[in-house]
Amino acid sequence: MLDLYTDATPNGLKVSIALEEMGLPYNVHRLFLGGEQKTPEFTELNANNKISVLVPQQSTGLSMTEPTPSPTSAEEPFCSSRTAWSAGTHCVHFA
């Protein structure tokens, strides 16, 4: 399960669309870009104060900021790279 921190902007929506297309479970935490992205809690996730941010619920200590996900099979060898997360039967790469 992933936590997605985003707002209803084109850049914010592309991540949720990709997650839906891949069938990956996630929770949306909506930020209002009028200032909520500058709170100390969000700055801990992304020091640049930009959306979107993906955080796995299992504690890995990692988050992906401003991700552009592209789905591939989890069987591919790159799924163990630093720019990919294995999520069930999918491997999510970030550009």
Protein backbone atom coordinates (compact mmCIF):
# COMPACT_ATOMS: atom_id res chain seq x y z
CA MET A 1 0.00 0.00 0.00
CA LEU A 2 1.23 3.48 -0.91
CA ASP A 3 0.41 6.91 0.45
CA LEU A 4 0.08 9.56 -2.26
CA TYR A 5 0.37 13.22 -1.27
CA THR A 6 -1.01 15.36 -4.11
CA ASP A 7 -3.45 18.01 -5.31
CA ALA A 8 -5.90 18.07 -8.24
CA THR A 9 -3.44 19.50 -10.78
CA PRO A 10 -2.26 17.87 -14.04
CA ASN A 11 1.04 16.84 -12.43
CA GLY A 12 -0.75 15.66 -9.32
CA LEU A 13 -3.28 13.58 -11.24
CA LYS A 14 -0.83 11.74 -13.51
CA VAL A 15 0.49 9.69 -10.58
CA SER A 16 -2.96 8.65 -9.36
CA ILE A 17 -3.99 7.76 -12.93
CA ALA A 18 -0.91 5.55 -13.31
CA LEU A 19 -1.51 3.86 -9.95
CA GLU A 20 -5.15 3.19 -10.92
CA GLU A 21 -4.10 1.76 -14.29
CA MET A 22 -1.63 -0.57 -12.56
CA GLY A 23 -4.25 -1.62 -10.02
CA LEU A 24 -2.02 -0.67 -7.09
CA PRO A 25 -3.67 0.15 -3.77
CA TYR A 26 -2.99 3.63 -2.41
CA ASN A 27 -4.39 6.26 -0.04
CA VAL A 28 -4.70 9.86 -1.21
CA HIS A 29 -3.70 12.70 1.09
CA ARG A 30 -4.86 15.89 -0.61
CA LEU A 31 -2.76 18.99 -0.16
CA PHE A 32 -4.07 22.41 -1.08
CA LEU A 33 -1.25 24.18 -2.84
CA GLY A 34 -2.19 27.50 -1.27
CA GLY A 35 0.28 26.73 1.51
CA GLU A 36 -0.24 23.21 2.87
CA GLN A 37 2.83 22.03 0.95
CA LYS A 38 4.94 24.33 3.14
CA THR A 39 4.00 22.76 6.46
CA PRO A 40 6.78 21.10 8.46
CA GLU A 41 5.06 17.70 8.07
CA PHE A 42 5.09 17.89 4.26
CA THR A 43 8.57 19.43 4.12
CA GLU A 44 9.81 16.27 5.89
CA LEU A 45 8.53 14.27 2.90
CA ASN A 46 9.78 16.66 0.21
CA ALA A 47 12.10 19.53 1.07
CA ASN A 48 11.29 21.13 -2.32
CA ASN A 49 7.64 21.51 -1.22
CA LYS A 50 6.35 20.07 -4.52
CA ILE A 51 3.73 17.44 -5.26
CA SER A 52 3.35 14.53 -5.81
CA VAL A 53 5.01 12.38 -3.16
CA LEU A 54 4.67 8.60 -2.89
CA VAL A 55 5.46 6.91 0.41
CA PRO A 56 5.22 3.15 0.98
CA GLN A 57 3.32 2.30 4.16
CA GLN A 58 5.87 -0.33 5.16
CA SER A 59 8.64 1.64 6.81
CA THR A 60 11.48 1.78 4.30
CA GLY A 61 12.53 5.31 5.20
CA LEU A 62 12.20 6.25 1.52
CA SER A 63 9.76 8.38 -0.39
CA MET A 64 9.56 9.27 -4.08
CA THR A 65 9.14 12.94 -4.83
CA GLU A 66 7.64 14.27 -8.06
CA PRO A 67 7.42 10.73 -9.50
CA THR A 68 6.58 9.81 -13.07
CA PRO A 69 5.66 6.14 -12.75
CA SER A 70 5.82 3.70 -15.63
CA PRO A 71 4.63 0.11 -15.08
CA THR A 72 6.60 -2.96 -16.08
CA SER A 73 6.56 -6.57 -15.05
CA ALA A 74 7.97 -7.28 -11.59
CA GLU A 75 9.99 -10.06 -13.17
CA GLU A 76 12.25 -7.57 -14.91
CA PRO A 77 15.75 -7.35 -13.45
CA PHE A 78 15.54 -3.63 -12.85
CA CYS A 79 12.93 -4.01 -10.17
CA SER A 80 15.70 -4.16 -7.61
CA SER A 81 17.19 -0.83 -8.74
CA ARG A 82 17.09 2.32 -6.62
CA THR A 83 14.55 3.94 -8.94
CA ALA A 84 11.92 1.19 -8.70
CA TRP A 85 9.60 -0.31 -6.12
CA SER A 86 8.12 -3.75 -6.31
CA ALA A 87 4.41 -3.59 -5.63
CA GLY A 88 2.71 -6.94 -5.84
CA THR A 89 2.99 -8.16 -9.41
CA HIS A 90 4.15 -4.77 -10.72
CA CYS A 91 7.43 -2.96 -10.66
CA VAL A 92 7.01 0.81 -10.56
CA HIS A 93 9.87 2.77 -12.15
CA PHE A 94 10.40 6.45 -11.60
CA ALA A 95 12.00 8.75 -14.11
